[in-house]
Amino acid sequence: GEQRMRQSQFEALASSLIDLTGKVQEQESVFAMQYRQKLKGEIEIADPTASNEQVEAYLNAGQSNLFADMLFSNSASAVTIRTTYELAVEKYRDLLQLEQSLEELHELMVDFSNFVFTQGALVNKISNNIAKAANYVEQGYKALVAAAKYKKKANKKKMIIIAIVVRIAIVVVIGIILGISFAFRLF
């Protein structure tokens, strides 16, 4: 009984070990293929004039630092690669600066939006005050027109009263003069 259990566990573990070994070998081959493709791409970038045989020779030699070695050499392709790299770095810096500028512009737009929002209430208040002032000016104009009419009527009445007073005064003065002259005639 016990020996059969051990035998069964051993067989299960051996089977798992075989499966895991197969998976490891499969992953190793996938990794090797991906590594060869990456290295092949680097070789083609570093030496675009290399033939397929030369690329295979590089791959079989296992030169993993080939790209870096070729980049730091003084060959024409290395100079081209360095120049391209420097241009890419410069464009990357420009993109970072553009991104920062866009963020600053966004902040300004948000600030401007907030300013417009807060000033909107103030503008409405000013607009209402202007409307009230216009209404007061219109009422004041109407009051001035009415006052001018009243003044004209008052001046007219004043002139009539003055004319009546002057006539009465003239009549009184004439009456006094006539009364005095009549009284002197009697004496």
C-alpha atoms as a PDB file:
ATOM      1  CA  GLY A   1       0.000   0.000   0.000  1.00  0.00           C
ATOM      2  CA  GLU A   2       2.558   2.511   1.114  1.00  0.00           C
ATOM      3  CA  GLN A   3       5.008   1.578  -1.593  1.00  0.00           C
ATOM      4  CA  ARG A   4       2.324   1.990  -4.237  1.00  0.00           C
ATOM      5  CA  MET A   5       1.527   5.487  -2.948  1.00  0.00           C
ATOM      6  CA  ARG A   6       5.173   6.412  -3.130  1.00  0.00           C
ATOM      7  CA  GLN A   7       5.432   4.911  -6.589  1.00  0.00           C
ATOM      8  CA  SER A   8       2.337   6.882  -7.661  1.00  0.00           C
ATOM      9  CA  GLN A   9       3.707  10.158  -6.184  1.00  0.00           C
ATOM     10  CA  PHE A  10       7.059   9.510  -7.815  1.00  0.00           C
ATOM     11  CA  GLU A  11       5.442   8.933 -11.208  1.00  0.00           C
ATOM     12  CA  ALA A  12       3.325  12.094 -10.836  1.00  0.00           C
ATOM     13  CA  LEU A  13       6.364  14.155  -9.863  1.00  0.00           C
ATOM     14  CA  ALA A  14       8.423  12.653 -12.685  1.00  0.00           C
ATOM     15  CA  SER A  15       5.650  13.484 -15.143  1.00  0.00           C
ATOM     16  CA  SER A  16       5.480  17.076 -13.820  1.00  0.00           C
ATOM     17  CA  LEU A  17       9.278  17.334 -14.107  1.00  0.00           C
ATOM     18  CA  ILE A  18       9.181  16.156 -17.714  1.00  0.00           C
ATOM     19  CA  ASP A  19       6.388  18.659 -18.514  1.00  0.00           C
ATOM     20  CA  LEU A  20       8.272  21.526 -16.837  1.00  0.00           C
ATOM     21  CA  THR A  21      11.505  20.563 -18.625  1.00  0.00           C
ATOM     22  CA  GLY A  22       9.634  20.658 -21.943  1.00  0.00           C
ATOM     23  CA  LYS A  23       8.192  24.086 -21.128  1.00  0.00           C
ATOM     24  CA  VAL A  24      11.622  25.416 -20.126  1.00  0.00           C
ATOM     25  CA  GLN A  25      13.131  24.144 -23.390  1.00  0.00           C
ATOM     26  CA  GLU A  26      10.248  25.703 -25.328  1.00  0.00           C
ATOM     27  CA  GLN A  27      10.751  29.066 -23.574  1.00  0.00           C
ATOM     28  CA  GLU A  28      14.507  28.868 -24.190  1.00  0.00           C
ATOM     29  CA  SER A  29      13.940  28.374 -27.911  1.00  0.00           C
ATOM     30  CA  VAL A  30      11.410  31.257 -28.029  1.00  0.00           C
ATOM     31  CA  PHE A  31      13.839  33.496 -26.150  1.00  0.00           C
ATOM     32  CA  ALA A  32      16.740  32.449 -28.426  1.00  0.00           C
ATOM     33  CA  MET A  33      14.656  33.190 -31.513  1.00  0.00           C
ATOM     34  CA  GLN A  34      13.573  36.603 -30.157  1.00  0.00           C
ATOM     35  CA  TYR A  35      17.160  37.379 -29.158  1.00  0.00           C
ATOM     36  CA  ARG A  36      18.432  36.417 -32.630  1.00  0.00           C
ATOM     37  CA  GLN A  37      15.762  38.644 -34.252  1.00  0.00           C
ATOM     38  CA  LYS A  38      16.673  41.569 -31.991  1.00  0.00           C
ATOM     39  CA  LEU A  39      20.381  41.073 -32.649  1.00  0.00           C
ATOM     40  CA  LYS A  40      19.723  40.738 -36.385  1.00  0.00           C
ATOM     41  CA  GLY A  41      17.805  44.070 -36.307  1.00  0.00           C
ATOM     42  CA  GLU A  42      20.682  45.745 -34.476  1.00  0.00           C
ATOM     43  CA  ILE A  43      23.190  44.378 -36.969  1.00  0.00           C
ATOM     44  CA  GLU A  44      21.087  45.607 -39.900  1.00  0.00           C
ATOM     45  CA  ILE A  45      20.896  49.057 -38.301  1.00  0.00           C
ATOM     46  CA  ALA A  46      24.592  49.146 -37.417  1.00  0.00           C
ATOM     47  CA  ASP A  47      25.755  47.804 -40.787  1.00  0.00           C
ATOM     48  CA  PRO A  48      23.028  48.175 -43.429  1.00  0.00           C
ATOM     49  CA  THR A  49      25.402  46.898 -46.118  1.00  0.00           C
ATOM     50  CA  ALA A  50      25.942  43.539 -44.369  1.00  0.00           C
ATOM     51  CA  SER A  51      24.908  40.489 -46.391  1.00  0.00           C
ATOM     52  CA  ASN A  52      22.773  37.677 -44.978  1.00  0.00           C
ATOM     53  CA  GLU A  53      25.894  35.541 -44.608  1.00  0.00           C
ATOM     54  CA  GLN A  54      27.631  38.288 -42.593  1.00  0.00           C
ATOM     55  CA  VAL A  55      24.543  38.727 -40.407  1.00  0.00           C
ATOM     56  CA  GLU A  56      24.466  34.956 -39.783  1.00  0.00           C
ATOM     57  CA  ALA A  57      28.212  35.008 -39.013  1.00  0.00           C
ATOM     58  CA  TYR A  58      27.648  37.784 -36.450  1.00  0.00           C
ATOM     59  CA  LEU A  59      24.749  35.838 -34.928  1.00  0.00           C
ATOM     60  CA  ASN A  60      26.718  32.597 -34.763  1.00  0.00           C
ATOM     61  CA  ALA A  61      29.719  34.379 -33.249  1.00  0.00           C
ATOM     62  CA  GLY A  62      27.433  35.502 -30.396  1.00  0.00           C
ATOM     63  CA  GLN A  63      28.628  39.097 -30.460  1.00  0.00           C
ATOM     64  CA  SER A  64      25.945  40.676 -28.288  1.00  0.00           C
ATOM     65  CA  ASN A  65      27.738  44.033 -28.041  1.00  0.00           C
ATOM     66  CA  LEU A  66      28.068  44.387 -31.803  1.00  0.00           C
ATOM     67  CA  PHE A  67      25.618  47.292 -32.011  1.00  0.00           C
ATOM     68  CA  ALA A  68      27.401  49.257 -29.286  1.00  0.00           C
ATOM     69  CA  ASP A  69      30.835  48.404 -30.779  1.00  0.00           C
ATOM     70  CA  MET A  70      29.739  49.552 -34.220  1.00  0.00           C
ATOM     71  CA  LEU A  71      28.061  52.665 -32.789  1.00  0.00           C
ATOM     72  CA  PHE A  72      31.292  53.811 -31.163  1.00  0.00           C
ATOM     73  CA  SER A  73      33.423  53.027 -34.206  1.00  0.00           C
ATOM     74  CA  ASN A  74      34.265  55.705 -36.734  1.00  0.00           C
ATOM     75  CA  SER A  75      32.573  54.059 -39.706  1.00  0.00           C
ATOM     76  CA  ALA A  76      30.179  56.047 -41.872  1.00  0.00           C
ATOM     77  CA  SER A  77      27.202  54.062 -40.656  1.00  0.00           C
ATOM     78  CA  ALA A  78      28.219  54.730 -37.033  1.00  0.00           C
ATOM     79  CA  VAL A  79      28.390  58.464 -37.737  1.00  0.00           C
ATOM     80  CA  THR A  80      24.976  58.279 -39.371  1.00  0.00           C
ATOM     81  CA  ILE A  81      23.599  56.361 -36.409  1.00  0.00           C
ATOM     82  CA  ARG A  82      25.068  58.837 -33.902  1.00  0.00           C
ATOM     83  CA  THR A  83      23.718  61.781 -35.918  1.00  0.00           C
ATOM     84  CA  THR A  84      20.297  60.149 -36.110  1.00  0.00           C
ATOM     85  CA  TYR A  85      20.438  59.423 -32.388  1.00  0.00           C
ATOM     86  CA  GLU A  86      21.391  63.029 -31.584  1.00  0.00           C
ATOM     87  CA  LEU A  87      18.537  64.308 -33.774  1.00  0.00           C
ATOM     88  CA  ALA A  88      16.132  61.920 -32.046  1.00  0.00           C
ATOM     89  CA  VAL A  89      17.320  63.114 -28.618  1.00  0.00           C
ATOM     90  CA  GLU A  90      16.924  66.747 -29.703  1.00  0.00           C
ATOM     91  CA  LYS A  91      13.401  66.081 -31.026  1.00  0.00           C
ATOM     92  CA  TYR A  92      12.567  64.296 -27.781  1.00  0.00           C
ATOM     93  CA  ARG A  93      13.724  67.331 -25.782  1.00  0.00           C
ATOM     94  CA  ASP A  94      11.684  69.576 -28.078  1.00  0.00           C
ATOM     95  CA  LEU A  95       8.660  67.355 -27.480  1.00  0.00           C
ATOM     96  CA  LEU A  96       9.169  67.566 -23.720  1.00  0.00           C
ATOM     97  CA  GLN A  97       9.428  71.359 -23.972  1.00  0.00           C
ATOM     98  CA  LEU A  98       6.307  71.447 -26.157  1.00  0.00           C
ATOM     99  CA  GLU A  99       4.495  69.272 -23.625  1.00  0.00           C
ATOM    100  CA  GLN A 100       5.520  71.648 -20.829  1.00  0.00           C
ATOM    101  CA  SER A 101       4.398  74.644 -22.901  1.00  0.00           C
ATOM    102  CA  LEU A 102       1.050  72.969 -23.553  1.00  0.00           C
ATOM    103  CA  GLU A 103       0.640  72.290 -19.837  1.00  0.00           C
ATOM    104  CA  GLU A 104       1.377  75.962 -19.091  1.00  0.00           C
ATOM    105  CA  LEU A 105      -1.092  77.002 -21.803  1.00  0.00           C
ATOM    106  CA  HIS A 106      -3.686  74.704 -20.263  1.00  0.00           C
ATOM    107  CA  GLU A 107      -3.082  76.267 -16.844  1.00  0.00           C
ATOM    108  CA  LEU A 108      -3.468  79.746 -18.376  1.00  0.00           C
ATOM    109  CA  MET A 109      -6.718  78.718 -20.070  1.00  0.00           C
ATOM    110  CA  VAL A 110      -8.058  77.308 -16.787  1.00  0.00           C
ATOM    111  CA  ASP A 111      -7.041  80.508 -14.969  1.00  0.00           C
ATOM    112  CA  PHE A 112      -8.623  82.630 -17.706  1.00  0.00           C
ATOM    113  CA  SER A 113     -11.803  80.549 -17.567  1.00  0.00           C
ATOM    114  CA  ASN A 114     -11.971  80.976 -13.789  1.00  0.00           C
ATOM    115  CA  PHE A 115     -11.310  84.712 -14.167  1.00  0.00           C
ATOM    116  CA  VAL A 116     -14.088  85.064 -16.752  1.00  0.00           C
ATOM    117  CA  PHE A 117     -16.435  83.077 -14.515  1.00  0.00           C
ATOM    118  CA  THR A 118     -15.707  85.205 -11.445  1.00  0.00           C
ATOM    119  CA  GLN A 119     -15.833  88.411 -13.447  1.00  0.00           C
ATOM    120  CA  GLY A 120     -19.167  87.386 -15.005  1.00  0.00           C
ATOM    121  CA  ALA A 121     -21.026  88.217 -11.797  1.00  0.00           C
ATOM    122  CA  LEU A 122     -19.232  91.548 -11.563  1.00  0.00           C
ATOM    123  CA  VAL A 123     -20.050  92.338 -15.211  1.00  0.00           C
ATOM    124  CA  ASN A 124     -23.729  91.489 -14.564  1.00  0.00           C
ATOM    125  CA  LYS A 125     -23.737  93.764 -11.516  1.00  0.00           C
ATOM    126  CA  ILE A 126     -22.143  96.591 -13.538  1.00  0.00           C
ATOM    127  CA  SER A 127     -24.684  96.029 -16.318  1.00  0.00           C
ATOM    128  CA  ASN A 128     -27.551  96.240 -13.818  1.00  0.00           C
ATOM    129  CA  ASN A 129     -26.089  99.436 -12.325  1.00  0.00           C
ATOM    130  CA  ILE A 130     -25.782 100.954 -15.812  1.00  0.00           C
ATOM    131  CA  ALA A 131     -29.430 100.077 -16.534  1.00  0.00           C
ATOM    132  CA  LYS A 132     -30.494 101.663 -13.222  1.00  0.00           C
ATOM    133  CA  ALA A 133     -28.383 104.746 -13.957  1.00  0.00           C
ATOM    134  CA  ALA A 134     -29.984 105.053 -17.410  1.00  0.00           C
ATOM    135  CA  ASN A 135     -33.427 104.790 -15.771  1.00  0.00           C
ATOM    136  CA  TYR A 136     -32.481 107.478 -13.223  1.00  0.00           C
ATOM    137  CA  VAL A 137     -31.175 109.735 -15.996  1.00  0.00           C
ATOM    138  CA  GLU A 138     -34.439 109.308 -17.924  1.00  0.00           C
ATOM    139  CA  GLN A 139     -36.477 110.079 -14.801  1.00  0.00           C
ATOM    140  CA  GLY A 140     -34.232 113.084 -14.104  1.00  0.00           C
ATOM    141  CA  TYR A 141     -34.691 114.336 -17.676  1.00  0.00           C
ATOM    142  CA  LYS A 142     -38.465 114.043 -17.364  1.00  0.00           C
ATOM    143  CA  ALA A 143     -38.305 115.876 -14.015  1.00  0.00           C
ATOM    144  CA  LEU A 144     -36.189 118.658 -15.608  1.00  0.00           C
ATOM    145  CA  VAL A 145     -38.658 119.012 -18.483  1.00  0.00           C
ATOM    146  CA  ALA A 146     -41.537 119.223 -15.983  1.00  0.00           C
ATOM    147  CA  ALA A 147     -39.551 121.701 -13.858  1.00  0.00           C
ATOM    148  CA  ALA A 148     -38.889 123.815 -16.942  1.00  0.00           C
ATOM    149  CA  LYS A 149     -42.645 123.869 -17.701  1.00  0.00           C
ATOM    150  CA  TYR A 150     -43.413 124.757 -14.076  1.00  0.00           C
ATOM    151  CA  LYS A 151     -40.776 127.477 -14.135  1.00  0.00           C
ATOM    152  CA  LYS A 152     -42.191 128.871 -17.359  1.00  0.00           C
ATOM    153  CA  LYS A 153     -45.702 128.852 -15.877  1.00  0.00           C
ATOM    154  CA  ALA A 154     -44.383 130.350 -12.630  1.00  0.00           C
ATOM    155  CA  ASN A 155     -42.529 133.080 -14.548  1.00  0.00           C
ATOM    156  CA  LYS A 156     -45.670 133.781 -16.568  1.00  0.00           C
ATOM    157  CA  LYS A 157     -47.751 134.002 -13.374  1.00  0.00           C
ATOM    158  CA  LYS A 158     -45.056 136.147 -11.773  1.00  0.00           C
ATOM    159  CA  MET A 159     -45.121 138.510 -14.764  1.00  0.00           C
ATOM    160  CA  ILE A 160     -48.909 138.685 -14.607  1.00  0.00           C
ATOM    161  CA  ILE A 161     -48.794 139.414 -10.868  1.00  0.00           C
ATOM    162  CA  ILE A 162     -46.074 142.041 -11.402  1.00  0.00           C
ATOM    163  CA  ALA A 163     -48.138 143.587 -14.210  1.00  0.00           C
ATOM    164  CA  ILE A 164     -51.215 143.638 -11.953  1.00  0.00           C
ATOM    165  CA  VAL A 165     -49.205 145.089  -9.046  1.00  0.00           C
ATOM    166  CA  VAL A 166     -47.683 147.715 -11.373  1.00  0.00           C
ATOM    167  CA  ARG A 167     -51.129 148.624 -12.719  1.00  0.00           C
ATOM    168  CA  ILE A 168     -52.526 148.804  -9.193  1.00  0.00           C
ATOM    169  CA  ALA A 169     -49.547 150.895  -8.156  1.00  0.00           C
ATOM    170  CA  ILE A 170     -50.065 153.154 -11.172  1.00  0.00           C
ATOM    171  CA  VAL A 171     -53.748 153.426 -10.398  1.00  0.00           C
ATOM    172  CA  VAL A 172     -52.969 154.179  -6.727  1.00  0.00           C
ATOM    173  CA  VAL A 173     -50.294 156.708  -7.656  1.00  0.00           C
ATOM    174  CA  ILE A 174     -52.622 158.310 -10.194  1.00  0.00           C
ATOM    175  CA  GLY A 175     -55.384 158.224  -7.603  1.00  0.00           C
ATOM    176  CA  ILE A 176     -53.094 159.855  -5.041  1.00  0.00           C
ATOM    177  CA  ILE A 177     -51.916 162.435  -7.522  1.00  0.00           C
ATOM    178  CA  LEU A 178     -55.437 163.193  -8.612  1.00  0.00           C
ATOM    179  CA  GLY A 179     -56.609 163.177  -5.007  1.00  0.00           C
ATOM    180  CA  ILE A 180     -53.845 165.619  -4.038  1.00  0.00           C
ATOM    181  CA  SER A 181     -54.412 167.801  -6.988  1.00  0.00           C
ATOM    182  CA  PHE A 182     -58.139 167.792  -6.396  1.00  0.00           C
ATOM    183  CA  ALA A 183     -57.559 168.555  -2.736  1.00  0.00           C
ATOM    184  CA  PHE A 184     -55.345 171.540  -3.719  1.00  0.00           C
ATOM    185  CA  ARG A 185     -58.004 172.822  -5.960  1.00  0.00           C
ATOM    186  CA  LEU A 186     -60.458 172.800  -3.193  1.00  0.00           C
ATOM    187  CA  PHE A 187     -58.334 175.009  -1.084  1.00  0.00           C
END
